[in-house]
Amino acid sequence: MKILLVSLCFALLLCSCATPRAESHSGRLSEAQVLKMADAFAKLKRPQHDPFDLRFYAGRSARFDPQADVWRVYYSRKPIRYLGDHFGIRVDDATGEMQYFGGR
């Protein structure tokens, strides 16, 4: 009985932590479109900091925020060279306007 209770609690915890996949949103842009747009924008913005090479950001991810109607794309460089070796790009789902944030 105790094992069943612990298993049930664990299952509930996993379900409550799960986030919906980006494909389930009702926005205008797809995740693939957002990643393509953000990558091009990163190439324009990153030379101010470091040359941008997508090979070092293979684990990038795009997440849709339905409350703000925006996508957020997070780039974390591998291998990390220094503290702050990451950045993000915010993409407005309605207008496609992009903003660079974070990183060093």
PDB file of N, CA and C in Angstrom:
ATOM      1  N   MET A   1       0.824  -1.189   0.000  1.00  0.00           N
ATOM      2  CA  MET A   1       0.000   0.000   0.000  1.00  0.00           C
ATOM      3  C   MET A   1       0.872   1.258   0.000  1.00  0.00           C
ATOM      4  N   LYS A   2       1.927   1.227   0.816  1.00  0.00           N
ATOM      5  CA  LYS A   2       2.813   2.379   0.900  1.00  0.00           C
ATOM      6  C   LYS A   2       3.500   2.640  -0.443  1.00  0.00           C
ATOM      7  N   ILE A   3       3.920   1.572  -1.136  1.00  0.00           N
ATOM      8  CA  ILE A   3       4.570   1.712  -2.437  1.00  0.00           C
ATOM      9  C   ILE A   3       3.588   2.294  -3.450  1.00  0.00           C
ATOM     10  N   LEU A   4       2.338   1.849  -3.397  1.00  0.00           N
ATOM     11  CA  LEU A   4       1.325   2.364  -4.304  1.00  0.00           C
ATOM     12  C   LEU A   4       1.094   3.854  -4.071  1.00  0.00           C
ATOM     13  N   LEU A   5       1.051   4.267  -2.828  1.00  0.00           N
ATOM     14  CA  LEU A   5       0.847   5.672  -2.492  1.00  0.00           C
ATOM     15  C   LEU A   5       2.021   6.527  -2.966  1.00  0.00           C
ATOM     16  N   VAL A   6       3.233   6.052  -2.754  1.00  0.00           N
ATOM     17  CA  VAL A   6       4.425   6.770  -3.200  1.00  0.00           C
ATOM     18  C   VAL A   6       4.440   6.864  -4.723  1.00  0.00           C
ATOM     19  N   SER A   7       4.086   5.785  -5.400  1.00  0.00           N
ATOM     20  CA  SER A   7       4.045   5.785  -6.867  1.00  0.00           C
ATOM     21  C   SER A   7       3.008   6.766  -7.386  1.00  0.00           C
ATOM     22  N   LEU A   8       1.854   6.808  -6.748  1.00  0.00           N
ATOM     23  CA  LEU A   8       0.802   7.739  -7.152  1.00  0.00           C
ATOM     24  C   LEU A   8       1.244   9.182  -6.960  1.00  0.00           C
ATOM     25  N   CYS A   9       1.876   9.479  -5.835  1.00  0.00           N
ATOM     26  CA  CYS A   9       2.381  10.833  -5.579  1.00  0.00           C
ATOM     27  C   CYS A   9       3.427  11.225  -6.618  1.00  0.00           C
ATOM     28  N   PHE A  10       4.302  10.292  -6.949  1.00  0.00           N
ATOM     29  CA  PHE A  10       5.333  10.563  -7.944  1.00  0.00           C
ATOM     30  C   PHE A  10       4.714  10.837  -9.307  1.00  0.00           C
ATOM     31  N   ALA A  11       3.710  10.050  -9.690  1.00  0.00           N
ATOM     32  CA  ALA A  11       3.036  10.243 -10.975  1.00  0.00           C
ATOM     33  C   ALA A  11       2.335  11.596 -11.025  1.00  0.00           C
ATOM     34  N   LEU A  12       1.690  11.983  -9.942  1.00  0.00           N
ATOM     35  CA  LEU A  12       1.031  13.291  -9.885  1.00  0.00           C
ATOM     36  C   LEU A  12       2.038  14.427  -9.986  1.00  0.00           C
ATOM     37  N   LEU A  13       3.168  14.262  -9.345  1.00  0.00           N
ATOM     38  CA  LEU A  13       4.221  15.269  -9.412  1.00  0.00           C
ATOM     39  C   LEU A  13       4.718  15.428 -10.836  1.00  0.00           C
ATOM     40  N   LEU A  14       4.955  14.335 -11.528  1.00  0.00           N
ATOM     41  CA  LEU A  14       5.412  14.396 -12.918  1.00  0.00           C
ATOM     42  C   LEU A  14       4.382  15.066 -13.807  1.00  0.00           C
ATOM     43  N   CYS A  15       3.121  14.749 -13.620  1.00  0.00           N
ATOM     44  CA  CYS A  15       2.062  15.348 -14.450  1.00  0.00           C
ATOM     45  C   CYS A  15       1.934  16.843 -14.196  1.00  0.00           C
ATOM     46  N   SER A  16       2.095  17.256 -12.953  1.00  0.00           N
ATOM     47  CA  SER A  16       1.944  18.678 -12.641  1.00  0.00           C
ATOM     48  C   SER A  16       3.120  19.498 -13.151  1.00  0.00           C
ATOM     49  N   CYS A  17       4.275  18.865 -13.329  1.00  0.00           N
ATOM     50  CA  CYS A  17       5.459  19.579 -13.817  1.00  0.00           C
ATOM     51  C   CYS A  17       5.528  19.620 -15.334  1.00  0.00           C
ATOM     52  N   ALA A  18       4.755  18.804 -15.991  1.00  0.00           N
ATOM     53  CA  ALA A  18       4.808  18.755 -17.455  1.00  0.00           C
ATOM     54  C   ALA A  18       4.243  20.040 -18.047  1.00  0.00           C
ATOM     55  N   THR A  19       4.903  20.531 -19.080  1.00  0.00           N
ATOM     56  CA  THR A  19       4.422  21.724 -19.774  1.00  0.00           C
ATOM     57  C   THR A  19       3.881  21.315 -21.129  1.00  0.00           C
ATOM     58  N   PRO A  20       2.869  21.991 -21.618  1.00  0.00           N
ATOM     59  CA  PRO A  20       2.344  21.632 -22.926  1.00  0.00           C
ATOM     60  C   PRO A  20       3.372  21.904 -24.016  1.00  0.00           C
ATOM     61  N   ARG A  21       3.362  21.093 -25.039  1.00  0.00           N
ATOM     62  CA  ARG A  21       4.294  21.274 -26.146  1.00  0.00           C
ATOM     63  C   ARG A  21       3.916  22.509 -26.938  1.00  0.00           C
ATOM     64  N   ALA A  22       4.898  23.134 -27.539  1.00  0.00           N
ATOM     65  CA  ALA A  22       4.677  24.374 -28.277  1.00  0.00           C
ATOM     66  C   ALA A  22       3.699  24.193 -29.433  1.00  0.00           C
ATOM     67  N   GLU A  23       3.633  22.983 -30.010  1.00  0.00           N
ATOM     68  CA  GLU A  23       2.759  22.765 -31.154  1.00  0.00           C
ATOM     69  C   GLU A  23       1.282  22.918 -30.785  1.00  0.00           C
ATOM     70  N   SER A  24       0.940  22.870 -29.504  1.00  0.00           N
ATOM     71  CA  SER A  24      -0.453  22.920 -29.095  1.00  0.00           C
ATOM     72  C   SER A  24      -0.987  24.349 -28.999  1.00  0.00           C
ATOM     73  N   HIS A  25      -0.161  25.343 -29.255  1.00  0.00           N
ATOM     74  CA  HIS A  25      -0.629  26.726 -29.150  1.00  0.00           C
ATOM     75  C   HIS A  25      -1.463  27.108 -30.374  1.00  0.00           C
ATOM     76  N   SER A  26      -2.182  28.187 -30.250  1.00  0.00           N
ATOM     77  CA  SER A  26      -3.031  28.624 -31.363  1.00  0.00           C
ATOM     78  C   SER A  26      -2.470  29.881 -32.025  1.00  0.00           C
ATOM     79  N   GLY A  27      -1.173  30.072 -31.945  1.00  0.00           N
ATOM     80  CA  GLY A  27      -0.547  31.259 -32.512  1.00  0.00           C
ATOM     81  C   GLY A  27      -0.374  31.176 -34.011  1.00  0.00           C
ATOM     82  N   ARG A  28       0.244  32.183 -34.545  1.00  0.00           N
ATOM     83  CA  ARG A  28       0.428  32.303 -35.988  1.00  0.00           C
ATOM     84  C   ARG A  28       1.679  31.579 -36.485  1.00  0.00           C
ATOM     85  N   LEU A  29       2.732  31.605 -35.683  1.00  0.00           N
ATOM     86  CA  LEU A  29       4.016  31.041 -36.091  1.00  0.00           C
ATOM     87  C   LEU A  29       4.192  29.630 -35.541  1.00  0.00           C
ATOM     88  N   SER A  30       4.897  28.789 -36.292  1.00  0.00           N
ATOM     89  CA  SER A  30       5.238  27.450 -35.798  1.00  0.00           C
ATOM     90  C   SER A  30       6.580  27.511 -35.086  1.00  0.00           C
ATOM     91  N   GLU A  31       6.893  26.480 -34.341  1.00  0.00           N
ATOM     92  CA  GLU A  31       8.182  26.422 -33.650  1.00  0.00           C
ATOM     93  C   GLU A  31       9.328  26.445 -34.660  1.00  0.00           C
ATOM     94  N   ALA A  32       9.193  25.736 -35.771  1.00  0.00           N
ATOM     95  CA  ALA A  32      10.243  25.707 -36.804  1.00  0.00           C
ATOM     96  C   ALA A  32      10.465  27.099 -37.394  1.00  0.00           C
ATOM     97  N   GLN A  33       9.379  27.827 -37.653  1.00  0.00           N
ATOM     98  CA  GLN A  33       9.500  29.189 -38.190  1.00  0.00           C
ATOM     99  C   GLN A  33      10.213  30.095 -37.191  1.00  0.00           C
ATOM    100  N   VAL A  34       9.836  29.969 -35.926  1.00  0.00           N
ATOM    101  CA  VAL A  34      10.432  30.808 -34.885  1.00  0.00           C
ATOM    102  C   VAL A  34      11.924  30.529 -34.755  1.00  0.00           C
ATOM    103  N   LEU A  35      12.321  29.260 -34.762  1.00  0.00           N
ATOM    104  CA  LEU A  35      13.741  28.921 -34.660  1.00  0.00           C
ATOM    105  C   LEU A  35      14.523  29.477 -35.848  1.00  0.00           C
ATOM    106  N   LYS A  36      13.967  29.381 -37.044  1.00  0.00           N
ATOM    107  CA  LYS A  36      14.643  29.902 -38.235  1.00  0.00           C
ATOM    108  C   LYS A  36      14.804  31.427 -38.141  1.00  0.00           C
ATOM    109  N   MET A  37      13.750  32.123 -37.731  1.00  0.00           N
ATOM    110  CA  MET A  37      13.803  33.572 -37.579  1.00  0.00           C
ATOM    111  C   MET A  37      14.810  33.978 -36.501  1.00  0.00           C
ATOM    112  N   ALA A  38      14.764  33.287 -35.361  1.00  0.00           N
ATOM    113  CA  ALA A  38      15.648  33.620 -34.243  1.00  0.00           C
ATOM    114  C   ALA A  38      17.113  33.352 -34.589  1.00  0.00           C
ATOM    115  N   ASP A  39      17.386  32.272 -35.314  1.00  0.00           N
ATOM    116  CA  ASP A  39      18.767  31.976 -35.721  1.00  0.00           C
ATOM    117  C   ASP A  39      19.321  33.087 -36.614  1.00  0.00           C
ATOM    118  N   ALA A  40      18.506  33.552 -37.556  1.00  0.00           N
ATOM    119  CA  ALA A  40      18.943  34.637 -38.446  1.00  0.00           C
ATOM    120  C   ALA A  40      19.170  35.923 -37.650  1.00  0.00           C
ATOM    121  N   PHE A  41      18.299  36.190 -36.685  1.00  0.00           N
ATOM    122  CA  PHE A  41      18.431  37.382 -35.844  1.00  0.00           C
ATOM    123  C   PHE A  41      19.682  37.278 -34.970  1.00  0.00           C
ATOM    124  N   ALA A  42      19.962  36.085 -34.462  1.00  0.00           N
ATOM    125  CA  ALA A  42      21.158  35.878 -33.639  1.00  0.00           C
ATOM    126  C   ALA A  42      22.429  36.153 -34.433  1.00  0.00           C
ATOM    127  N   LYS A  43      22.428  35.766 -35.693  1.00  0.00           N
ATOM    128  CA  LYS A  43      23.601  36.022 -36.539  1.00  0.00           C
ATOM    129  C   LYS A  43      23.846  37.514 -36.706  1.00  0.00           C
ATOM    130  N   LEU A  44      22.765  38.300 -36.716  1.00  0.00           N
ATOM    131  CA  LEU A  44      22.911  39.759 -36.821  1.00  0.00           C
ATOM    132  C   LEU A  44      23.379  40.377 -35.503  1.00  0.00           C
ATOM    133  N   LYS A  45      22.865  39.883 -34.394  1.00  0.00           N
ATOM    134  CA  LYS A  45      23.127  40.488 -33.090  1.00  0.00           C
ATOM    135  C   LYS A  45      24.411  40.015 -32.436  1.00  0.00           C
ATOM    136  N   ARG A  46      24.751  38.751 -32.586  1.00  0.00           N
ATOM    137  CA  ARG A  46      25.894  38.189 -31.857  1.00  0.00           C
ATOM    138  C   ARG A  46      27.253  38.763 -32.247  1.00  0.00           C
ATOM    139  N   PRO A  47      27.496  39.224 -33.471  1.00  0.00           N
ATOM    140  CA  PRO A  47      28.826  39.779 -33.757  1.00  0.00           C
ATOM    141  C   PRO A  47      29.212  40.915 -32.816  1.00  0.00           C
ATOM    142  N   GLN A  48      28.215  41.553 -32.199  1.00  0.00           N
ATOM    143  CA  GLN A  48      28.518  42.586 -31.208  1.00  0.00           C
ATOM    144  C   GLN A  48      29.187  41.971 -29.985  1.00  0.00           C
ATOM    145  N   HIS A  49      28.974  40.671 -29.787  1.00  0.00           N
ATOM    146  CA  HIS A  49      29.515  39.971 -28.614  1.00  0.00           C
ATOM    147  C   HIS A  49      30.568  38.948 -29.036  1.00  0.00           C
ATOM    148  N   ASP A  50      30.134  37.970 -29.802  1.00  0.00           N
ATOM    149  CA  ASP A  50      30.977  36.897 -30.331  1.00  0.00           C
ATOM    150  C   ASP A  50      30.401  36.479 -31.670  1.00  0.00           C
ATOM    151  N   PRO A  51      31.216  35.956 -32.553  1.00  0.00           N
ATOM    152  CA  PRO A  51      30.626  35.405 -33.775  1.00  0.00           C
ATOM    153  C   PRO A  51      29.659  34.274 -33.421  1.00  0.00           C
ATOM    154  N   PHE A  52      28.533  34.224 -34.094  1.00  0.00           N
ATOM    155  CA  PHE A  52      27.511  33.212 -33.820  1.00  0.00           C
ATOM    156  C   PHE A  52      27.741  32.004 -34.700  1.00  0.00           C
ATOM    157  N   ASP A  53      27.865  30.834 -34.090  1.00  0.00           N
ATOM    158  CA  ASP A  53      28.014  29.576 -34.813  1.00  0.00           C
ATOM    159  C   ASP A  53      26.998  28.604 -34.234  1.00  0.00           C
ATOM    160  N   LEU A  54      25.978  28.269 -35.015  1.00  0.00           N
ATOM    161  CA  LEU A  54      24.863  27.449 -34.549  1.00  0.00           C
ATOM    162  C   LEU A  54      25.311  26.082 -34.040  1.00  0.00           C
ATOM    163  N   ARG A  55      26.449  25.589 -34.502  1.00  0.00           N
ATOM    164  CA  ARG A  55      26.940  24.280 -34.029  1.00  0.00           C
ATOM    165  C   ARG A  55      27.114  24.247 -32.519  1.00  0.00           C
ATOM    166  N   PHE A  56      27.423  25.389 -31.915  1.00  0.00           N
ATOM    167  CA  PHE A  56      27.642  25.440 -30.475  1.00  0.00           C
ATOM    168  C   PHE A  56      26.340  25.616 -29.689  1.00  0.00           C
ATOM    169  N   TYR A  57      25.234  25.794 -30.385  1.00  0.00           N
ATOM    170  CA  TYR A  57      23.939  26.023 -29.733  1.00  0.00           C
ATOM    171  C   TYR A  57      22.915  24.983 -30.183  1.00  0.00           C
ATOM    172  N   ALA A  58      23.345  23.752 -30.316  1.00  0.00           N
ATOM    173  CA  ALA A  58      22.475  22.686 -30.819  1.00  0.00           C
ATOM    174  C   ALA A  58      21.286  22.418 -29.899  1.00  0.00           C
ATOM    175  N   GLY A  59      21.411  22.713 -28.630  1.00  0.00           N
ATOM    176  CA  GLY A  59      20.335  22.444 -27.675  1.00  0.00           C
ATOM    177  C   GLY A  59      19.357  23.585 -27.515  1.00  0.00           C
ATOM    178  N   ARG A  60      19.318  24.501 -28.462  1.00  0.00           N
ATOM    179  CA  ARG A  60      18.413  25.644 -28.331  1.00  0.00           C
ATOM    180  C   ARG A  60      16.967  25.169 -28.293  1.00  0.00           C
ATOM    181  N   SER A  61      16.130  25.960 -27.671  1.00  0.00           N
ATOM    182  CA  SER A  61      14.728  25.567 -27.569  1.00  0.00           C
ATOM    183  C   SER A  61      13.827  26.782 -27.696  1.00  0.00           C
ATOM    184  N   ALA A  62      12.652  26.565 -28.269  1.00  0.00           N
ATOM    185  CA  ALA A  62      11.655  27.628 -28.398  1.00  0.00           C
ATOM    186  C   ALA A  62      10.450  27.247 -27.549  1.00  0.00           C
ATOM    187  N   ARG A  63       9.989  28.193 -26.761  1.00  0.00           N
ATOM    188  CA  ARG A  63       8.808  27.963 -25.917  1.00  0.00           C
ATOM    189  C   ARG A  63       7.804  29.079 -26.154  1.00  0.00           C
ATOM    190  N   PHE A  64       6.551  28.685 -26.298  1.00  0.00           N
ATOM    191  CA  PHE A  64       5.489  29.655 -26.522  1.00  0.00           C
ATOM    192  C   PHE A  64       4.838  30.018 -25.191  1.00  0.00           C
ATOM    193  N   ASP A  65       4.663  31.318 -24.961  1.00  0.00           N
ATOM    194  CA  ASP A  65       3.980  31.822 -23.764  1.00  0.00           C
ATOM    195  C   ASP A  65       2.613  32.344 -24.215  1.00  0.00           C
ATOM    196  N   PRO A  66       1.544  31.570 -23.997  1.00  0.00           N
ATOM    197  CA  PRO A  66       0.230  31.977 -24.486  1.00  0.00           C
ATOM    198  C   PRO A  66      -0.316  33.225 -23.796  1.00  0.00           C
ATOM    199  N   GLN A  67       0.100  33.491 -22.574  1.00  0.00           N
ATOM    200  CA  GLN A  67      -0.384  34.681 -21.866  1.00  0.00           C
ATOM    201  C   GLN A  67       0.178  35.956 -22.480  1.00  0.00           C
ATOM    202  N   ALA A  68       1.435  35.919 -22.899  1.00  0.00           N
ATOM    203  CA  ALA A  68       2.076  37.096 -23.487  1.00  0.00           C
ATOM    204  C   ALA A  68       2.015  37.070 -25.018  1.00  0.00           C
ATOM    205  N   ASP A  69       1.605  35.933 -25.594  1.00  0.00           N
ATOM    206  CA  ASP A  69       1.541  35.755 -27.047  1.00  0.00           C
ATOM    207  C   ASP A  69       2.915  35.959 -27.689  1.00  0.00           C
ATOM    208  N   VAL A  70       3.938  35.402 -27.047  1.00  0.00           N
ATOM    209  CA  VAL A  70       5.306  35.504 -27.556  1.00  0.00           C
ATOM    210  C   VAL A  70       5.995  34.150 -27.469  1.00  0.00           C
ATOM    211  N   TRP A  71       7.007  34.008 -28.293  1.00  0.00           N
ATOM    212  CA  TRP A  71       7.919  32.866 -28.237  1.00  0.00           C
ATOM    213  C   TRP A  71       9.196  33.343 -27.571  1.00  0.00           C
ATOM    214  N   ARG A  72       9.819  32.463 -26.825  1.00  0.00           N
ATOM    215  CA  ARG A  72      11.139  32.738 -26.257  1.00  0.00           C
ATOM    216  C   ARG A  72      12.069  31.613 -26.682  1.00  0.00           C
ATOM    217  N   VAL A  73      13.156  31.996 -27.327  1.00  0.00           N
ATOM    218  CA  VAL A  73      14.146  31.022 -27.796  1.00  0.00           C
ATOM    219  C   VAL A  73      15.379  31.191 -26.929  1.00  0.00           C
ATOM    220  N   TYR A  74      15.821  30.102 -26.318  1.00  0.00           N
ATOM    221  CA  TYR A  74      16.958  30.128 -25.407  1.00  0.00           C
ATOM    222  C   TYR A  74      18.158  29.443 -26.045  1.00  0.00           C
ATOM    223  N   TYR A  75      19.285  30.123 -26.012  1.00  0.00           N
ATOM    224  CA  TYR A  75      20.542  29.611 -26.558  1.00  0.00           C
ATOM    225  C   TYR A  75      21.541  29.485 -25.414  1.00  0.00           C
ATOM    226  N   SER A  76      22.035  28.284 -25.201  1.00  0.00           N
ATOM    227  CA  SER A  76      23.064  28.050 -24.188  1.00  0.00           C
ATOM    228  C   SER A  76      24.223  27.344 -24.876  1.00  0.00           C
ATOM    229  N   ARG A  77      25.369  28.004 -24.919  1.00  0.00           N
ATOM    230  CA  ARG A  77      26.512  27.497 -25.683  1.00  0.00           C
ATOM    231  C   ARG A  77      27.132  26.278 -25.011  1.00  0.00           C
ATOM    232  N   LYS A  78      27.484  25.298 -25.829  1.00  0.00           N
ATOM    233  CA  LYS A  78      28.198  24.101 -25.366  1.00  0.00           C
ATOM    234  C   LYS A  78      29.455  23.962 -26.202  1.00  0.00           C
ATOM    235  N   PRO A  79      30.626  23.881 -25.638  1.00  0.00           N
ATOM    236  CA  PRO A  79      30.911  24.015 -24.214  1.00  0.00           C
ATOM    237  C   PRO A  79      30.820  25.480 -23.766  1.00  0.00           C
ATOM    238  N   ILE A  80      30.466  25.646 -22.515  1.00  0.00           N
ATOM    239  CA  ILE A  80      30.380  26.987 -21.939  1.00  0.00           C
ATOM    240  C   ILE A  80      31.795  27.513 -21.749  1.00  0.00           C
ATOM    241  N   ARG A  81      32.034  28.734 -22.210  1.00  0.00           N
ATOM    242  CA  ARG A  81      33.367  29.322 -22.105  1.00  0.00           C
ATOM    243  C   ARG A  81      33.520  30.202 -20.876  1.00  0.00           C
ATOM    244  N   TYR A  82      32.430  30.843 -20.461  1.00  0.00           N
ATOM    245  CA  TYR A  82      32.477  31.753 -19.321  1.00  0.00           C
ATOM    246  C   TYR A  82      31.063  31.956 -18.787  1.00  0.00           C
ATOM    247  N   LEU A  83      30.947  32.478 -17.585  1.00  0.00           N
ATOM    248  CA  LEU A  83      29.660  32.773 -16.985  1.00  0.00           C
ATOM    249  C   LEU A  83      28.936  33.789 -17.864  1.00  0.00           C
ATOM    250  N   GLY A  84      27.691  33.520 -18.208  1.00  0.00           N
ATOM    251  CA  GLY A  84      26.937  34.414 -19.084  1.00  0.00           C
ATOM    252  C   GLY A  84      27.038  34.047 -20.550  1.00  0.00           C
ATOM    253  N   ASP A  85      27.557  32.862 -20.840  1.00  0.00           N
ATOM    254  CA  ASP A  85      27.732  32.407 -22.228  1.00  0.00           C
ATOM    255  C   ASP A  85      26.417  31.820 -22.748  1.00  0.00           C
ATOM    256  N   HIS A  86      25.376  32.636 -22.676  1.00  0.00           N
ATOM    257  CA  HIS A  86      24.048  32.242 -23.122  1.00  0.00           C
ATOM    258  C   HIS A  86      23.269  33.509 -23.490  1.00  0.00           C
ATOM    259  N   PHE A  87      22.187  33.357 -24.193  1.00  0.00           N
ATOM    260  CA  PHE A  87      21.335  34.497 -24.526  1.00  0.00           C
ATOM    261  C   PHE A  87      19.978  33.978 -24.972  1.00  0.00           C
ATOM    262  N   GLY A  88      19.062  34.885 -25.198  1.00  0.00           N
ATOM    263  CA  GLY A  88      17.736  34.509 -25.652  1.00  0.00           C
ATOM    264  C   GLY A  88      17.200  35.527 -26.639  1.00  0.00           C
ATOM    265  N   ILE A  89      16.195  35.098 -27.371  1.00  0.00           N
ATOM    266  CA  ILE A  89      15.518  35.983 -28.314  1.00  0.00           C
ATOM    267  C   ILE A  89      14.016  35.826 -28.099  1.00  0.00           C
ATOM    268  N   ARG A  90      13.357  36.955 -27.980  1.00  0.00           N
ATOM    269  CA  ARG A  90      11.908  37.001 -27.801  1.00  0.00           C
ATOM    270  C   ARG A  90      11.294  37.311 -29.163  1.00  0.00           C
ATOM    271  N   VAL A  91      10.313  36.498 -29.573  1.00  0.00           N
ATOM    272  CA  VAL A  91       9.654  36.688 -30.870  1.00  0.00           C
ATOM    273  C   VAL A  91       8.163  36.900 -30.630  1.00  0.00           C
ATOM    274  N   ASP A  92       7.665  38.059 -31.037  1.00  0.00           N
ATOM    275  CA  ASP A  92       6.238  38.356 -30.913  1.00  0.00           C
ATOM    276  C   ASP A  92       5.488  37.506 -31.936  1.00  0.00           C
ATOM    277  N   ASP A  93       4.526  36.715 -31.485  1.00  0.00           N
ATOM    278  CA  ASP A  93       3.827  35.796 -32.375  1.00  0.00           C
ATOM    279  C   ASP A  93       2.961  36.529 -33.393  1.00  0.00           C
ATOM    280  N   ALA A  94       2.417  37.690 -33.041  1.00  0.00           N
ATOM    281  CA  ALA A  94       1.536  38.427 -33.951  1.00  0.00           C
ATOM    282  C   ALA A  94       2.309  39.237 -34.991  1.00  0.00           C
ATOM    283  N   THR A  95       3.390  39.889 -34.557  1.00  0.00           N
ATOM    284  CA  THR A  95       4.107  40.806 -35.454  1.00  0.00           C
ATOM    285  C   THR A  95       5.422  40.248 -35.996  1.00  0.00           C
ATOM    286  N   GLY A  96       5.991  39.251 -35.320  1.00  0.00           N
ATOM    287  CA  GLY A  96       7.292  38.725 -35.716  1.00  0.00           C
ATOM    288  C   GLY A  96       8.450  39.579 -35.223  1.00  0.00           C
ATOM    289  N   GLU A  97       8.144  40.648 -34.471  1.00  0.00           N
ATOM    290  CA  GLU A  97       9.201  41.515 -33.932  1.00  0.00           C
ATOM    291  C   GLU A  97      10.063  40.716 -32.966  1.00  0.00           C
ATOM    292  N   MET A  98      11.381  40.936 -33.032  1.00  0.00           N
ATOM    293  CA  MET A  98      12.322  40.179 -32.195  1.00  0.00           C
ATOM    294  C   MET A  98      13.145  41.093 -31.317  1.00  0.00           C
ATOM    295  N   GLN A  99      13.468  40.582 -30.125  1.00  0.00           N
ATOM    296  CA  GLN A  99      14.322  41.295 -29.167  1.00  0.00           C
ATOM    297  C   GLN A  99      15.362  40.339 -28.634  1.00  0.00           C
ATOM    298  N   TYR A 100      16.581  40.828 -28.534  1.00  0.00           N
ATOM    299  CA  TYR A 100      17.703  40.073 -27.987  1.00  0.00           C
ATOM    300  C   TYR A 100      17.762  40.343 -26.485  1.00  0.00           C
ATOM    301  N   PHE A 101      18.021  39.328 -25.658  1.00  0.00           N
ATOM    302  CA  PHE A 101      18.165  39.554 -24.226  1.00  0.00           C
ATOM    303  C   PHE A 101      19.159  38.574 -23.613  1.00  0.00           C
ATOM    304  N   GLY A 102      19.707  38.996 -22.479  1.00  0.00           N
ATOM    305  CA  GLY A 102      20.578  38.119 -21.691  1.00  0.00           C
ATOM    306  C   GLY A 102      21.973  37.978 -22.251  1.00  0.00           C
ATOM    307  N   GLY A 103      22.658  37.038 -21.664  1.00  0.00           N
ATOM    308  CA  GLY A 103      24.025  36.754 -22.093  1.00  0.00           C
ATOM    309  C   GLY A 103      24.989  37.862 -21.719  1.00  0.00           C
ATOM    310  N   ARG A 104      26.175  37.708 -22.222  1.00  0.00           N
ATOM    311  CA  ARG A 104      27.241  38.666 -21.888  1.00  0.00           C
ATOM    312  C   ARG A 104      27.645  39.425 -23.115  1.00  0.00           C
TER     313      ARG A 104
END
